[in-house]
């Protein structure tokens, strides 16, 4: 609905960085969507399929924020991305961490699918996709922990993102394994 209502063309939903990104990219839809022969298609890893309405839409943080702003206007209520702290509260609904899972609690570690899957496939106490499927954008900016010090060999690795313009992603994706599937 956001795309059908030209949400990418309505500046009121976009912050300043989002407007600059739109001007640069000329985006009018999510990157992996195609409109062909009167039908919306989603480009997956190995094929294009008619857009499944219960699958995640893979977008950048600017697009996710604009969608939340649009949805908030539609519903006349505050709608935004979760903060990192709020995500951790939801994460507490999953009692264990990898590698101690008897069975992965989401589409993660290549245990179920080799792509994203419906967002309502893995539910935990009323919430879906807490871990796995696709990384989730947060409202929380990337920053160092208290006492953080730059390692001399990695002086250009993390600190360029400590600028208030880069946000944390949480939850892992379908292909996350090892320490990426917390």
C-alpha atoms as a PDB file:
ATOM      1  CA  UNK A   1       0.000   0.000   0.000  1.00  0.00           C
ATOM      2  CA  UNK A   2       2.887   2.396   0.774  1.00  0.00           C
ATOM      3  CA  UNK A   3       4.252   1.898  -2.749  1.00  0.00           C
ATOM      4  CA  UNK A   4       0.783   2.026  -4.370  1.00  0.00           C
ATOM      5  CA  UNK A   5       0.108   5.339  -2.604  1.00  0.00           C
ATOM      6  CA  UNK A   6       3.411   6.757  -3.922  1.00  0.00           C
ATOM      7  CA  UNK A   7       5.040   6.853  -0.482  1.00  0.00           C
ATOM      8  CA  UNK A   8       8.455   7.087  -2.131  1.00  0.00           C
ATOM      9  CA  UNK A   9       7.335  10.332  -3.788  1.00  0.00           C
ATOM     10  CA  UNK A  10       5.954  12.048  -0.647  1.00  0.00           C
ATOM     11  CA  UNK A  11       8.708  13.984   1.141  1.00  0.00           C
ATOM     12  CA  UNK A  12       6.731  14.306   4.398  1.00  0.00           C
ATOM     13  CA  UNK A  13       7.463  10.646   5.197  1.00  0.00           C
ATOM     14  CA  UNK A  14      11.228  10.956   4.715  1.00  0.00           C
ATOM     15  CA  UNK A  15      13.906  12.540   6.906  1.00  0.00           C
ATOM     16  CA  UNK A  16      16.599  14.729   5.326  1.00  0.00           C
ATOM     17  CA  UNK A  17      18.972  11.832   4.702  1.00  0.00           C
ATOM     18  CA  UNK A  18      16.104   9.835   3.213  1.00  0.00           C
ATOM     19  CA  UNK A  19      15.232  12.680   0.850  1.00  0.00           C
ATOM     20  CA  UNK A  20      18.865  12.891  -0.279  1.00  0.00           C
ATOM     21  CA  UNK A  21      18.943   9.115  -0.791  1.00  0.00           C
ATOM     22  CA  UNK A  22      15.745   9.284  -2.866  1.00  0.00           C
ATOM     23  CA  UNK A  23      17.155  12.085  -4.999  1.00  0.00           C
ATOM     24  CA  UNK A  24      20.364  10.122  -5.582  1.00  0.00           C
ATOM     25  CA  UNK A  25      18.786   6.707  -6.255  1.00  0.00           C
ATOM     26  CA  UNK A  26      15.487   7.804  -7.819  1.00  0.00           C
ATOM     27  CA  UNK A  27      13.930   4.835  -5.959  1.00  0.00           C
ATOM     28  CA  UNK A  28      10.166   4.400  -6.245  1.00  0.00           C
ATOM     29  CA  UNK A  29       9.910   0.962  -4.609  1.00  0.00           C
ATOM     30  CA  UNK A  30      11.960  -1.544  -2.606  1.00  0.00           C
ATOM     31  CA  UNK A  31      15.063  -2.660  -4.493  1.00  0.00           C
ATOM     32  CA  UNK A  32      14.010  -6.295  -4.899  1.00  0.00           C
ATOM     33  CA  UNK A  33      10.549  -5.530  -6.254  1.00  0.00           C
ATOM     34  CA  UNK A  34       9.700  -5.413  -9.954  1.00  0.00           C
ATOM     35  CA  UNK A  35       6.484  -4.371 -11.674  1.00  0.00           C
ATOM     36  CA  UNK A  36       5.947  -6.345 -14.847  1.00  0.00           C
ATOM     37  CA  UNK A  37       2.844  -7.035 -16.941  1.00  0.00           C
ATOM     38  CA  UNK A  38       0.551  -5.506 -14.337  1.00  0.00           C
ATOM     39  CA  UNK A  39       1.951  -7.636 -11.496  1.00  0.00           C
ATOM     40  CA  UNK A  40       4.311  -6.929  -8.597  1.00  0.00           C
ATOM     41  CA  UNK A  41       7.138  -9.456  -8.318  1.00  0.00           C
ATOM     42  CA  UNK A  42       9.752  -9.999  -5.638  1.00  0.00           C
ATOM     43  CA  UNK A  43      13.255 -10.982  -6.725  1.00  0.00           C
ATOM     44  CA  UNK A  44      14.500 -13.756  -4.440  1.00  0.00           C
ATOM     45  CA  UNK A  45      17.830 -15.539  -4.500  1.00  0.00           C
ATOM     46  CA  UNK A  46      16.979 -17.816  -7.427  1.00  0.00           C
ATOM     47  CA  UNK A  47      13.679 -16.615  -8.865  1.00  0.00           C
ATOM     48  CA  UNK A  48      11.085 -13.882  -9.124  1.00  0.00           C
ATOM     49  CA  UNK A  49       7.729 -14.640  -7.503  1.00  0.00           C
ATOM     50  CA  UNK A  50       4.460 -12.721  -7.146  1.00  0.00           C
ATOM     51  CA  UNK A  51       4.893 -10.617  -4.012  1.00  0.00           C
ATOM     52  CA  UNK A  52       3.827 -12.698  -1.044  1.00  0.00           C
ATOM     53  CA  UNK A  53       2.116 -10.259   1.319  1.00  0.00           C
ATOM     54  CA  UNK A  54       3.257 -12.091   4.439  1.00  0.00           C
ATOM     55  CA  UNK A  55       6.975 -11.982   3.613  1.00  0.00           C
ATOM     56  CA  UNK A  56       9.399  -9.362   4.902  1.00  0.00           C
ATOM     57  CA  UNK A  57      10.232  -6.450   2.650  1.00  0.00           C
ATOM     58  CA  UNK A  58      13.998  -6.031   2.471  1.00  0.00           C
ATOM     59  CA  UNK A  59      14.724  -2.302   2.682  1.00  0.00           C
ATOM     60  CA  UNK A  60      17.269   0.074   4.129  1.00  0.00           C
ATOM     61  CA  UNK A  61      16.714   1.961   7.385  1.00  0.00           C
ATOM     62  CA  UNK A  62      15.582   5.111   5.566  1.00  0.00           C
ATOM     63  CA  UNK A  63      12.832   3.194   3.771  1.00  0.00           C
ATOM     64  CA  UNK A  64      11.781   1.437   6.985  1.00  0.00           C
ATOM     65  CA  UNK A  65      11.478   4.792   8.794  1.00  0.00           C
ATOM     66  CA  UNK A  66       9.492   6.337   5.938  1.00  0.00           C
ATOM     67  CA  UNK A  67       7.109   3.378   5.972  1.00  0.00           C
ATOM     68  CA  UNK A  68       6.623   3.783   9.754  1.00  0.00           C
ATOM     69  CA  UNK A  69       5.892   7.495   9.237  1.00  0.00           C
ATOM     70  CA  UNK A  70       3.354   6.648   6.527  1.00  0.00           C
ATOM     71  CA  UNK A  71       1.729   3.954   8.668  1.00  0.00           C
ATOM     72  CA  UNK A  72       1.578   6.325  11.661  1.00  0.00           C
ATOM     73  CA  UNK A  73      -0.276   8.859   9.499  1.00  0.00           C
ATOM     74  CA  UNK A  74      -2.673   6.153   8.277  1.00  0.00           C
ATOM     75  CA  UNK A  75      -3.420   4.909  11.806  1.00  0.00           C
ATOM     76  CA  UNK A  76      -3.209   8.319  13.503  1.00  0.00           C
ATOM     77  CA  UNK A  77      -0.884   6.917  16.164  1.00  0.00           C
ATOM     78  CA  UNK A  78       2.828   6.743  16.904  1.00  0.00           C
ATOM     79  CA  UNK A  79       4.482   3.947  14.919  1.00  0.00           C
ATOM     80  CA  UNK A  80       8.251   3.563  14.786  1.00  0.00           C
ATOM     81  CA  UNK A  81      11.018   0.997  14.680  1.00  0.00           C
ATOM     82  CA  UNK A  82      11.986  -0.721  17.925  1.00  0.00           C
ATOM     83  CA  UNK A  83      14.930   0.514  19.961  1.00  0.00           C
ATOM     84  CA  UNK A  84      17.727  -1.922  20.759  1.00  0.00           C
ATOM     85  CA  UNK A  85      16.455  -2.158  24.359  1.00  0.00           C
ATOM     86  CA  UNK A  86      12.918  -2.970  23.178  1.00  0.00           C
ATOM     87  CA  UNK A  87      14.283  -5.662  20.849  1.00  0.00           C
ATOM     88  CA  UNK A  88      16.152  -7.243  23.777  1.00  0.00           C
ATOM     89  CA  UNK A  89      12.915  -7.332  25.793  1.00  0.00           C
ATOM     90  CA  UNK A  90      11.320  -9.334  22.974  1.00  0.00           C
ATOM     91  CA  UNK A  91      14.434 -11.491  22.665  1.00  0.00           C
ATOM     92  CA  UNK A  92      13.854 -12.594  26.272  1.00  0.00           C
ATOM     93  CA  UNK A  93      10.877 -14.595  24.914  1.00  0.00           C
ATOM     94  CA  UNK A  94      13.417 -17.020  23.449  1.00  0.00           C
ATOM     95  CA  UNK A  95      14.932 -18.903  26.392  1.00  0.00           C
ATOM     96  CA  UNK A  96      18.228 -20.069  24.914  1.00  0.00           C
ATOM     97  CA  UNK A  97      20.990 -18.922  22.609  1.00  0.00           C
ATOM     98  CA  UNK A  98      22.674 -20.669  19.723  1.00  0.00           C
ATOM     99  CA  UNK A  99      24.361 -23.189  19.811  1.00  0.00           C
ATOM    100  CA  UNK A 100      22.244 -24.620  22.657  1.00  0.00           C
ATOM    101  CA  UNK A 101      18.999 -24.575  20.659  1.00  0.00           C
ATOM    102  CA  UNK A 102      17.538 -28.042  20.225  1.00  0.00           C
ATOM    103  CA  UNK A 103      15.727 -26.535  17.251  1.00  0.00           C
ATOM    104  CA  UNK A 104      16.325 -23.030  15.902  1.00  0.00           C
ATOM    105  CA  UNK A 105      13.515 -20.681  17.058  1.00  0.00           C
ATOM    106  CA  UNK A 106      13.348 -18.910  13.712  1.00  0.00           C
ATOM    107  CA  UNK A 107      14.491 -18.953  10.107  1.00  0.00           C
ATOM    108  CA  UNK A 108      18.165 -18.815  11.069  1.00  0.00           C
ATOM    109  CA  UNK A 109      21.344 -20.884  10.716  1.00  0.00           C
ATOM    110  CA  UNK A 110      20.066 -22.265   7.389  1.00  0.00           C
ATOM    111  CA  UNK A 111      17.903 -24.647   9.421  1.00  0.00           C
ATOM    112  CA  UNK A 112      14.645 -24.173   7.516  1.00  0.00           C
ATOM    113  CA  UNK A 113      14.935 -22.198   4.268  1.00  0.00           C
ATOM    114  CA  UNK A 114      17.624 -20.839   1.971  1.00  0.00           C
ATOM    115  CA  UNK A 115      15.805 -17.520   1.746  1.00  0.00           C
ATOM    116  CA  UNK A 116      13.485 -15.393   3.800  1.00  0.00           C
ATOM    117  CA  UNK A 117      10.091 -16.900   4.552  1.00  0.00           C
ATOM    118  CA  UNK A 118       6.655 -15.703   5.756  1.00  0.00           C
ATOM    119  CA  UNK A 119       6.981 -13.378   8.757  1.00  0.00           C
ATOM    120  CA  UNK A 120       4.299 -15.271  10.671  1.00  0.00           C
ATOM    121  CA  UNK A 121       6.051 -18.666  10.391  1.00  0.00           C
ATOM    122  CA  UNK A 122       7.879 -18.412  13.766  1.00  0.00           C
ATOM    123  CA  UNK A 123       5.867 -16.952  16.651  1.00  0.00           C
ATOM    124  CA  UNK A 124       7.006 -16.506  20.259  1.00  0.00           C
ATOM    125  CA  UNK A 125       4.367 -15.319  22.725  1.00  0.00           C
ATOM    126  CA  UNK A 126       2.520 -13.280  20.110  1.00  0.00           C
ATOM    127  CA  UNK A 127       5.582 -11.831  18.358  1.00  0.00           C
ATOM    128  CA  UNK A 128       7.017 -13.099  15.093  1.00  0.00           C
ATOM    129  CA  UNK A 129      10.522 -13.058  13.607  1.00  0.00           C
ATOM    130  CA  UNK A 130      12.310 -12.058  16.797  1.00  0.00           C
ATOM    131  CA  UNK A 131      15.376 -13.862  15.464  1.00  0.00           C
ATOM    132  CA  UNK A 132      16.150 -14.896  11.925  1.00  0.00           C
ATOM    133  CA  UNK A 133      14.507 -14.376   8.566  1.00  0.00           C
ATOM    134  CA  UNK A 134      15.894 -10.865   7.930  1.00  0.00           C
ATOM    135  CA  UNK A 135      17.910  -8.400   9.998  1.00  0.00           C
ATOM    136  CA  UNK A 136      15.677  -5.853  11.728  1.00  0.00           C
ATOM    137  CA  UNK A 137      16.393  -2.143  11.750  1.00  0.00           C
ATOM    138  CA  UNK A 138      16.221  -0.314  15.078  1.00  0.00           C
ATOM    139  CA  UNK A 139      15.899   3.321  16.146  1.00  0.00           C
ATOM    140  CA  UNK A 140      19.186   2.992  18.063  1.00  0.00           C
ATOM    141  CA  UNK A 141      22.317   4.550  16.590  1.00  0.00           C
ATOM    142  CA  UNK A 142      25.535   2.540  16.534  1.00  0.00           C
ATOM    143  CA  UNK A 143      27.978   3.633  19.225  1.00  0.00           C
ATOM    144  CA  UNK A 144      30.775   2.169  21.300  1.00  0.00           C
ATOM    145  CA  UNK A 145      30.181   0.671  24.720  1.00  0.00           C
ATOM    146  CA  UNK A 146      31.401   2.626  27.739  1.00  0.00           C
ATOM    147  CA  UNK A 147      35.186   2.312  27.829  1.00  0.00           C
ATOM    148  CA  UNK A 148      35.414   1.485  24.106  1.00  0.00           C
ATOM    149  CA  UNK A 149      38.885   1.934  22.669  1.00  0.00           C
ATOM    150  CA  UNK A 150      39.868   1.717  19.038  1.00  0.00           C
ATOM    151  CA  UNK A 151      42.189  -1.167  18.236  1.00  0.00           C
ATOM    152  CA  UNK A 152      45.145   0.136  16.202  1.00  0.00           C
ATOM    153  CA  UNK A 153      44.544  -2.395  13.417  1.00  0.00           C
ATOM    154  CA  UNK A 154      40.841  -1.511  13.174  1.00  0.00           C
ATOM    155  CA  UNK A 155      40.915   2.275  13.391  1.00  0.00           C
ATOM    156  CA  UNK A 156      38.604   2.615  10.403  1.00  0.00           C
ATOM    157  CA  UNK A 157      36.269  -0.297  11.146  1.00  0.00           C
ATOM    158  CA  UNK A 158      33.592   0.810  13.644  1.00  0.00           C
ATOM    159  CA  UNK A 159      34.227   4.437  14.483  1.00  0.00           C
ATOM    160  CA  UNK A 160      33.088   5.817  11.096  1.00  0.00           C
ATOM    161  CA  UNK A 161      29.619   4.557  12.016  1.00  0.00           C
ATOM    162  CA  UNK A 162      29.566   6.341  15.408  1.00  0.00           C
ATOM    163  CA  UNK A 163      27.988   9.385  13.785  1.00  0.00           C
ATOM    164  CA  UNK A 164      24.304   9.184  14.751  1.00  0.00           C
ATOM    165  CA  UNK A 165      23.428   8.286  11.144  1.00  0.00           C
ATOM    166  CA  UNK A 166      24.027   4.532  11.266  1.00  0.00           C
ATOM    167  CA  UNK A 167      21.562   2.349  13.141  1.00  0.00           C
ATOM    168  CA  UNK A 168      21.834  -1.079  14.709  1.00  0.00           C
ATOM    169  CA  UNK A 169      20.364  -4.166  13.127  1.00  0.00           C
ATOM    170  CA  UNK A 170      19.213  -7.041  15.315  1.00  0.00           C
ATOM    171  CA  UNK A 171      17.926 -10.581  15.028  1.00  0.00           C
ATOM    172  CA  UNK A 172      20.032 -12.141  12.286  1.00  0.00           C
ATOM    173  CA  UNK A 173      18.855 -13.437   8.941  1.00  0.00           C
ATOM    174  CA  UNK A 174      18.098 -16.812   7.405  1.00  0.00           C
ATOM    175  CA  UNK A 175      21.769 -17.263   6.572  1.00  0.00           C
ATOM    176  CA  UNK A 176      23.186 -16.057   9.916  1.00  0.00           C
ATOM    177  CA  UNK A 177      25.208 -18.744  11.658  1.00  0.00           C
ATOM    178  CA  UNK A 178      27.637 -18.957  14.555  1.00  0.00           C
ATOM    179  CA  UNK A 179      28.013 -15.769  16.589  1.00  0.00           C
ATOM    180  CA  UNK A 180      25.667 -13.936  14.190  1.00  0.00           C
ATOM    181  CA  UNK A 181      22.720 -16.020  15.410  1.00  0.00           C
ATOM    182  CA  UNK A 182      22.502 -14.987  19.039  1.00  0.00           C
END
